[in-house]
Amino acid sequence: MWRGGLTTVALVPQVLRTHRSRSACDLSMPMLLLFSTGVGLWPAYRPLIGSNGIILANAATMMLSASILAMKLRFG
């Protein structure tokens, strides 16, 4: 579970920086879309592995990723 926590927390500095600067011009839209899609597909994997921890970590990651994507759309 701690590995999922580390990858989730890794997005927090980017969320904070983008929110403070009101700029997302340096962020790649294709990367954000691919990353968000990949994280969003984890729930489909849950029945195969039976790990709630992975799903919880990825749900948090998806929320952070979605917030970065929303700021990219809003601030450019």
PDB file of N, CA and C in Angstrom:
ATOM      1  N   MET A   1       0.823  -1.202   0.000  1.00  0.00           N
ATOM      2  CA  MET A   1       0.000   0.000   0.000  1.00  0.00           C
ATOM      3  C   MET A   1       0.862   1.259   0.000  1.00  0.00           C
ATOM      4  N   TRP A   2       2.018   1.225   0.662  1.00  0.00           N
ATOM      5  CA  TRP A   2       2.846   2.430   0.737  1.00  0.00           C
ATOM      6  C   TRP A   2       3.334   2.871  -0.636  1.00  0.00           C
ATOM      7  N   ARG A   3       3.526   1.928  -1.555  1.00  0.00           N
ATOM      8  CA  ARG A   3       3.952   2.307  -2.910  1.00  0.00           C
ATOM      9  C   ARG A   3       2.855   3.087  -3.611  1.00  0.00           C
ATOM     10  N   GLY A   4       1.620   2.667  -3.436  1.00  0.00           N
ATOM     11  CA  GLY A   4       0.504   3.417  -3.997  1.00  0.00           C
ATOM     12  C   GLY A   4       0.411   4.794  -3.382  1.00  0.00           C
ATOM     13  N   GLY A   5       0.710   4.893  -2.109  1.00  0.00           N
ATOM     14  CA  GLY A   5       0.692   6.179  -1.427  1.00  0.00           C
ATOM     15  C   GLY A   5       1.758   7.113  -1.954  1.00  0.00           C
ATOM     16  N   LEU A   6       2.933   6.580  -2.233  1.00  0.00           N
ATOM     17  CA  LEU A   6       4.025   7.414  -2.756  1.00  0.00           C
ATOM     18  C   LEU A   6       3.699   7.965  -4.138  1.00  0.00           C
ATOM     19  N   THR A   7       3.156   7.126  -5.008  1.00  0.00           N
ATOM     20  CA  THR A   7       2.832   7.601  -6.345  1.00  0.00           C
ATOM     21  C   THR A   7       1.660   8.588  -6.320  1.00  0.00           C
ATOM     22  N   THR A   8       0.769   8.420  -5.373  1.00  0.00           N
ATOM     23  CA  THR A   8      -0.343   9.358  -5.230  1.00  0.00           C
ATOM     24  C   THR A   8       0.149  10.703  -4.715  1.00  0.00           C
ATOM     25  N   VAL A   9       0.946  10.681  -3.667  1.00  0.00           N
ATOM     26  CA  VAL A   9       1.468  11.913  -3.064  1.00  0.00           C
ATOM     27  C   VAL A   9       2.376  12.665  -4.038  1.00  0.00           C
ATOM     28  N   ALA A  10       2.976  11.949  -4.972  1.00  0.00           N
ATOM     29  CA  ALA A  10       3.866  12.589  -5.943  1.00  0.00           C
ATOM     30  C   ALA A  10       3.155  13.651  -6.772  1.00  0.00           C
ATOM     31  N   LEU A  11       1.850  13.549  -6.925  1.00  0.00           N
ATOM     32  CA  LEU A  11       1.105  14.531  -7.712  1.00  0.00           C
ATOM     33  C   LEU A  11       0.758  15.793  -6.931  1.00  0.00           C
ATOM     34  N   VAL A  12       0.815  15.739  -5.612  1.00  0.00           N
ATOM     35  CA  VAL A  12       0.411  16.878  -4.779  1.00  0.00           C
ATOM     36  C   VAL A  12       1.224  18.144  -5.088  1.00  0.00           C
ATOM     37  N   PRO A  13       2.553  18.081  -5.191  1.00  0.00           N
ATOM     38  CA  PRO A  13       3.294  19.307  -5.512  1.00  0.00           C
ATOM     39  C   PRO A  13       2.872  19.933  -6.842  1.00  0.00           C
ATOM     40  N   GLN A  14       2.551  19.106  -7.832  1.00  0.00           N
ATOM     41  CA  GLN A  14       2.129  19.643  -9.129  1.00  0.00           C
ATOM     42  C   GLN A  14       0.761  20.308  -9.016  1.00  0.00           C
ATOM     43  N   VAL A  15      -0.147  19.692  -8.274  1.00  0.00           N
ATOM     44  CA  VAL A  15      -1.465  20.286  -8.056  1.00  0.00           C
ATOM     45  C   VAL A  15      -1.313  21.648  -7.383  1.00  0.00           C
ATOM     46  N   LEU A  16      -0.513  21.703  -6.330  1.00  0.00           N
ATOM     47  CA  LEU A  16      -0.325  22.953  -5.593  1.00  0.00           C
ATOM     48  C   LEU A  16       0.337  24.029  -6.462  1.00  0.00           C
ATOM     49  N   ARG A  17       1.362  23.649  -7.192  1.00  0.00           N
ATOM     50  CA  ARG A  17       2.073  24.627  -8.037  1.00  0.00           C
ATOM     51  C   ARG A  17       1.167  25.172  -9.133  1.00  0.00           C
ATOM     52  N   THR A  18       0.424  24.287  -9.777  1.00  0.00           N
ATOM     53  CA  THR A  18      -0.474  24.722 -10.846  1.00  0.00           C
ATOM     54  C   THR A  18      -1.564  25.629 -10.292  1.00  0.00           C
ATOM     55  N   HIS A  19      -2.098  25.287  -9.140  1.00  0.00           N
ATOM     56  CA  HIS A  19      -3.148  26.098  -8.527  1.00  0.00           C
ATOM     57  C   HIS A  19      -2.620  27.475  -8.136  1.00  0.00           C
ATOM     58  N   ARG A  20      -1.430  27.510  -7.535  1.00  0.00           N
ATOM     59  CA  ARG A  20      -0.845  28.798  -7.101  1.00  0.00           C
ATOM     60  C   ARG A  20      -0.468  29.688  -8.278  1.00  0.00           C
ATOM     61  N   SER A  21       0.124  29.103  -9.293  1.00  0.00           N
ATOM     62  CA  SER A  21       0.615  29.899 -10.426  1.00  0.00           C
ATOM     63  C   SER A  21      -0.484  30.230 -11.434  1.00  0.00           C
ATOM     64  N   ARG A  22      -1.589  29.489 -11.355  1.00  0.00           N
ATOM     65  CA  ARG A  22      -2.683  29.657 -12.321  1.00  0.00           C
ATOM     66  C   ARG A  22      -2.181  29.481 -13.758  1.00  0.00           C
ATOM     67  N   SER A  23      -1.212  28.590 -13.909  1.00  0.00           N
ATOM     68  CA  SER A  23      -0.654  28.306 -15.222  1.00  0.00           C
ATOM     69  C   SER A  23      -0.371  26.812 -15.350  1.00  0.00           C
ATOM     70  N   ALA A  24      -0.781  26.273 -16.472  1.00  0.00           N
ATOM     71  CA  ALA A  24      -0.511  24.862 -16.754  1.00  0.00           C
ATOM     72  C   ALA A  24       0.086  24.704 -18.144  1.00  0.00           C
ATOM     73  N   CYS A  25       0.661  25.775 -18.652  1.00  0.00           N
ATOM     74  CA  CYS A  25       1.167  25.740 -20.025  1.00  0.00           C
ATOM     75  C   CYS A  25       2.324  24.754 -20.212  1.00  0.00           C
ATOM     76  N   ASP A  26       3.044  24.464 -19.158  1.00  0.00           N
ATOM     77  CA  ASP A  26       4.166  23.527 -19.271  1.00  0.00           C
ATOM     78  C   ASP A  26       3.747  22.064 -19.175  1.00  0.00           C
ATOM     79  N   LEU A  27       2.486  21.821 -18.896  1.00  0.00           N
ATOM     80  CA  LEU A  27       2.004  20.451 -18.760  1.00  0.00           C
ATOM     81  C   LEU A  27       1.488  19.950 -20.102  1.00  0.00           C
ATOM     82  N   SER A  28       1.850  18.742 -20.434  1.00  0.00           N
ATOM     83  CA  SER A  28       1.457  18.143 -21.702  1.00  0.00           C
ATOM     84  C   SER A  28       0.043  17.566 -21.611  1.00  0.00           C
ATOM     85  N   MET A  29      -0.857  18.050 -22.464  1.00  0.00           N
ATOM     86  CA  MET A  29      -2.222  17.536 -22.480  1.00  0.00           C
ATOM     87  C   MET A  29      -2.261  16.048 -22.846  1.00  0.00           C
ATOM     88  N   PRO A  30      -1.510  15.582 -23.855  1.00  0.00           N
ATOM     89  CA  PRO A  30      -1.532  14.138 -24.141  1.00  0.00           C
ATOM     90  C   PRO A  30      -1.074  13.302 -22.944  1.00  0.00           C
ATOM     91  N   MET A  31      -0.044  13.754 -22.231  1.00  0.00           N
ATOM     92  CA  MET A  31       0.412  13.012 -21.050  1.00  0.00           C
ATOM     93  C   MET A  31      -0.681  12.962 -20.002  1.00  0.00           C
ATOM     94  N   LEU A  32      -1.312  14.098 -19.729  1.00  0.00           N
ATOM     95  CA  LEU A  32      -2.373  14.135 -18.725  1.00  0.00           C
ATOM     96  C   LEU A  32      -3.536  13.224 -19.104  1.00  0.00           C
ATOM     97  N   LEU A  33      -3.927  13.226 -20.366  1.00  0.00           N
ATOM     98  CA  LEU A  33      -5.024  12.366 -20.807  1.00  0.00           C
ATOM     99  C   LEU A  33      -4.658  10.887 -20.719  1.00  0.00           C
ATOM    100  N   LEU A  34      -3.453  10.538 -21.149  1.00  0.00           N
ATOM    101  CA  LEU A  34      -3.014   9.143 -21.074  1.00  0.00           C
ATOM    102  C   LEU A  34      -2.879   8.680 -19.618  1.00  0.00           C
ATOM    103  N   PHE A  35      -2.294   9.524 -18.781  1.00  0.00           N
ATOM    104  CA  PHE A  35      -2.121   9.179 -17.371  1.00  0.00           C
ATOM    105  C   PHE A  35      -3.481   8.995 -16.697  1.00  0.00           C
ATOM    106  N   SER A  36      -4.402   9.937 -16.926  1.00  0.00           N
ATOM    107  CA  SER A  36      -5.726   9.854 -16.315  1.00  0.00           C
ATOM    108  C   SER A  36      -6.489   8.625 -16.796  1.00  0.00           C
ATOM    109  N   THR A  37      -6.362   8.305 -18.068  1.00  0.00           N
ATOM    110  CA  THR A  37      -7.014   7.113 -18.605  1.00  0.00           C
ATOM    111  C   THR A  37      -6.435   5.851 -17.965  1.00  0.00           C
ATOM    112  N   GLY A  38      -5.120   5.788 -17.862  1.00  0.00           N
ATOM    113  CA  GLY A  38      -4.484   4.624 -17.243  1.00  0.00           C
ATOM    114  C   GLY A  38      -4.904   4.428 -15.798  1.00  0.00           C
ATOM    115  N   VAL A  39      -4.937   5.507 -15.041  1.00  0.00           N
ATOM    116  CA  VAL A  39      -5.353   5.421 -13.642  1.00  0.00           C
ATOM    117  C   VAL A  39      -6.832   5.067 -13.560  1.00  0.00           C
ATOM    118  N   GLY A  40      -7.627   5.618 -14.463  1.00  0.00           N
ATOM    119  CA  GLY A  40      -9.061   5.338 -14.468  1.00  0.00           C
ATOM    120  C   GLY A  40      -9.409   3.899 -14.806  1.00  0.00           C
ATOM    121  N   LEU A  41      -8.505   3.196 -15.460  1.00  0.00           N
ATOM    122  CA  LEU A  41      -8.757   1.797 -15.820  1.00  0.00           C
ATOM    123  C   LEU A  41      -8.467   0.808 -14.681  1.00  0.00           C
ATOM    124  N   TRP A  42      -7.820   1.252 -13.615  1.00  0.00           N
ATOM    125  CA  TRP A  42      -7.502   0.352 -12.511  1.00  0.00           C
ATOM    126  C   TRP A  42      -8.723  -0.334 -11.897  1.00  0.00           C
ATOM    127  N   PRO A  43      -9.874   0.323 -11.761  1.00  0.00           N
ATOM    128  CA  PRO A  43     -11.017  -0.385 -11.177  1.00  0.00           C
ATOM    129  C   PRO A  43     -11.414  -1.646 -11.946  1.00  0.00           C
ATOM    130  N   ALA A  44     -11.160  -1.692 -13.236  1.00  0.00           N
ATOM    131  CA  ALA A  44     -11.459  -2.891 -14.017  1.00  0.00           C
ATOM    132  C   ALA A  44     -10.541  -4.044 -13.625  1.00  0.00           C
ATOM    133  N   TYR A  45      -9.380  -3.736 -13.106  1.00  0.00           N
ATOM    134  CA  TYR A  45      -8.390  -4.736 -12.709  1.00  0.00           C
ATOM    135  C   TYR A  45      -8.682  -5.289 -11.315  1.00  0.00           C
ATOM    136  N   ARG A  46      -9.434  -4.583 -10.513  1.00  0.00           N
ATOM    137  CA  ARG A  46      -9.710  -4.948  -9.125  1.00  0.00           C
ATOM    138  C   ARG A  46     -10.280  -6.355  -8.963  1.00  0.00           C
ATOM    139  N   PRO A  47     -11.267  -6.793  -9.759  1.00  0.00           N
ATOM    140  CA  PRO A  47     -11.778  -8.156  -9.572  1.00  0.00           C
ATOM    141  C   PRO A  47     -10.731  -9.242  -9.782  1.00  0.00           C
ATOM    142  N   LEU A  48      -9.731  -8.951 -10.592  1.00  0.00           N
ATOM    143  CA  LEU A  48      -8.696  -9.942 -10.867  1.00  0.00           C
ATOM    144  C   LEU A  48      -7.690 -10.070  -9.722  1.00  0.00           C
ATOM    145  N   ILE A  49      -7.441  -8.985  -9.015  1.00  0.00           N
ATOM    146  CA  ILE A  49      -6.415  -9.017  -7.980  1.00  0.00           C
ATOM    147  C   ILE A  49      -6.977  -8.945  -6.569  1.00  0.00           C
ATOM    148  N   GLY A  50      -8.196  -8.445  -6.430  1.00  0.00           N
ATOM    149  CA  GLY A  50      -8.849  -8.399  -5.119  1.00  0.00           C
ATOM    150  C   GLY A  50      -8.169  -7.492  -4.106  1.00  0.00           C
ATOM    151  N   SER A  51      -7.560  -6.411  -4.551  1.00  0.00           N
ATOM    152  CA  SER A  51      -6.848  -5.527  -3.638  1.00  0.00           C
ATOM    153  C   SER A  51      -7.548  -4.179  -3.525  1.00  0.00           C
ATOM    154  N   ASN A  52      -8.175  -3.949  -2.383  1.00  0.00           N
ATOM    155  CA  ASN A  52      -8.829  -2.668  -2.159  1.00  0.00           C
ATOM    156  C   ASN A  52      -7.806  -1.542  -2.015  1.00  0.00           C
ATOM    157  N   GLY A  53      -6.637  -1.847  -1.486  1.00  0.00           N
ATOM    158  CA  GLY A  53      -5.598  -0.839  -1.305  1.00  0.00           C
ATOM    159  C   GLY A  53      -5.187  -0.203  -2.620  1.00  0.00           C
ATOM    160  N   ILE A  54      -5.035  -1.024  -3.633  1.00  0.00           N
ATOM    161  CA  ILE A  54      -4.648  -0.505  -4.948  1.00  0.00           C
ATOM    162  C   ILE A  54      -5.753   0.387  -5.501  1.00  0.00           C
ATOM    163  N   ILE A  55      -6.972  -0.021  -5.323  1.00  0.00           N
ATOM    164  CA  ILE A  55      -8.093   0.765  -5.824  1.00  0.00           C
ATOM    165  C   ILE A  55      -8.206   2.085  -5.071  1.00  0.00           C
ATOM    166  N   LEU A  56      -8.026   2.065  -3.758  1.00  0.00           N
ATOM    167  CA  LEU A  56      -8.097   3.304  -2.973  1.00  0.00           C
ATOM    168  C   LEU A  56      -6.989   4.278  -3.375  1.00  0.00           C
ATOM    169  N   ALA A  57      -5.780   3.765  -3.521  1.00  0.00           N
ATOM    170  CA  ALA A  57      -4.662   4.622  -3.922  1.00  0.00           C
ATOM    171  C   ALA A  57      -4.912   5.211  -5.304  1.00  0.00           C
ATOM    172  N   ASN A  58      -5.427   4.409  -6.220  1.00  0.00           N
ATOM    173  CA  ASN A  58      -5.675   4.897  -7.566  1.00  0.00           C
ATOM    174  C   ASN A  58      -6.876   5.833  -7.628  1.00  0.00           C
ATOM    175  N   ALA A  59      -7.836   5.673  -6.738  1.00  0.00           N
ATOM    176  CA  ALA A  59      -8.956   6.614  -6.671  1.00  0.00           C
ATOM    177  C   ALA A  59      -8.437   7.999  -6.258  1.00  0.00           C
ATOM    178  N   ALA A  60      -7.549   8.035  -5.281  1.00  0.00           N
ATOM    179  CA  ALA A  60      -6.958   9.301  -4.852  1.00  0.00           C
ATOM    180  C   ALA A  60      -6.100   9.888  -5.969  1.00  0.00           C
ATOM    181  N   THR A  61      -5.334   9.050  -6.643  1.00  0.00           N
ATOM    182  CA  THR A  61      -4.509   9.504  -7.762  1.00  0.00           C
ATOM    183  C   THR A  61      -5.386  10.067  -8.876  1.00  0.00           C
ATOM    184  N   MET A  62      -6.512   9.418  -9.130  1.00  0.00           N
ATOM    185  CA  MET A  62      -7.415   9.890 -10.174  1.00  0.00           C
ATOM    186  C   MET A  62      -7.986  11.256  -9.827  1.00  0.00           C
ATOM    187  N   MET A  63      -8.303  11.486  -8.567  1.00  0.00           N
ATOM    188  CA  MET A  63      -8.825  12.796  -8.167  1.00  0.00           C
ATOM    189  C   MET A  63      -7.763  13.887  -8.365  1.00  0.00           C
ATOM    190  N   LEU A  64      -6.530  13.597  -7.989  1.00  0.00           N
ATOM    191  CA  LEU A  64      -5.450  14.561  -8.187  1.00  0.00           C
ATOM    192  C   LEU A  64      -5.191  14.800  -9.672  1.00  0.00           C
ATOM    193  N   SER A  65      -5.173  13.729 -10.433  1.00  0.00           N
ATOM    194  CA  SER A  65      -4.955  13.829 -11.870  1.00  0.00           C
ATOM    195  C   SER A  65      -6.082  14.624 -12.536  1.00  0.00           C
ATOM    196  N   ALA A  66      -7.302  14.368 -12.121  1.00  0.00           N
ATOM    197  CA  ALA A  66      -8.444  15.094 -12.682  1.00  0.00           C
ATOM    198  C   ALA A  66      -8.371  16.574 -12.342  1.00  0.00           C
ATOM    199  N   SER A  67      -7.886  16.889 -11.152  1.00  0.00           N
ATOM    200  CA  SER A  67      -7.772  18.303 -10.792  1.00  0.00           C
ATOM    201  C   SER A  67      -6.696  18.999 -11.630  1.00  0.00           C
ATOM    202  N   ILE A  68      -5.592  18.314 -11.899  1.00  0.00           N
ATOM    203  CA  ILE A  68      -4.559  18.886 -12.770  1.00  0.00           C
ATOM    204  C   ILE A  68      -5.116  19.062 -14.184  1.00  0.00           C
ATOM    205  N   LEU A  69      -5.835  18.066 -14.671  1.00  0.00           N
ATOM    206  CA  LEU A  69      -6.426  18.145 -15.999  1.00  0.00           C
ATOM    207  C   LEU A  69      -7.427  19.299 -16.080  1.00  0.00           C
ATOM    208  N   ALA A  70      -8.244  19.478 -15.055  1.00  0.00           N
ATOM    209  CA  ALA A  70      -9.208  20.588 -15.032  1.00  0.00           C
ATOM    210  C   ALA A  70      -8.491  21.932 -15.038  1.00  0.00           C
ATOM    211  N   MET A  71      -7.396  22.033 -14.277  1.00  0.00           N
ATOM    212  CA  MET A  71      -6.644  23.287 -14.271  1.00  0.00           C
ATOM    213  C   MET A  71      -5.965  23.530 -15.618  1.00  0.00           C
ATOM    214  N   LYS A  72      -5.529  22.460 -16.267  1.00  0.00           N
ATOM    215  CA  LYS A  72      -4.933  22.601 -17.602  1.00  0.00           C
ATOM    216  C   LYS A  72      -5.969  23.164 -18.563  1.00  0.00           C
ATOM    217  N   LEU A  73      -7.179  22.663 -18.497  1.00  0.00           N
ATOM    218  CA  LEU A  73      -8.245  23.157 -19.362  1.00  0.00           C
ATOM    219  C   LEU A  73      -8.633  24.589 -19.023  1.00  0.00           C
ATOM    220  N   ARG A  74      -8.619  24.932 -17.735  1.00  0.00           N
ATOM    221  CA  ARG A  74      -9.032  26.264 -17.313  1.00  0.00           C
ATOM    222  C   ARG A  74      -7.946  27.316 -17.530  1.00  0.00           C
ATOM    223  N   PHE A  75      -6.714  26.989 -17.099  1.00  0.00           N
ATOM    224  CA  PHE A  75      -5.637  27.976 -17.134  1.00  0.00           C
ATOM    225  C   PHE A  75      -4.790  27.908 -18.400  1.00  0.00           C
ATOM    226  N   GLY A  76      -4.864  26.782 -19.100  1.00  0.00           N
ATOM    227  CA  GLY A  76      -4.040  26.636 -20.312  1.00  0.00           C
ATOM    228  C   GLY A  76      -2.663  26.427 -19.929  1.00  0.00           C
TER     229      GLY A  76
END
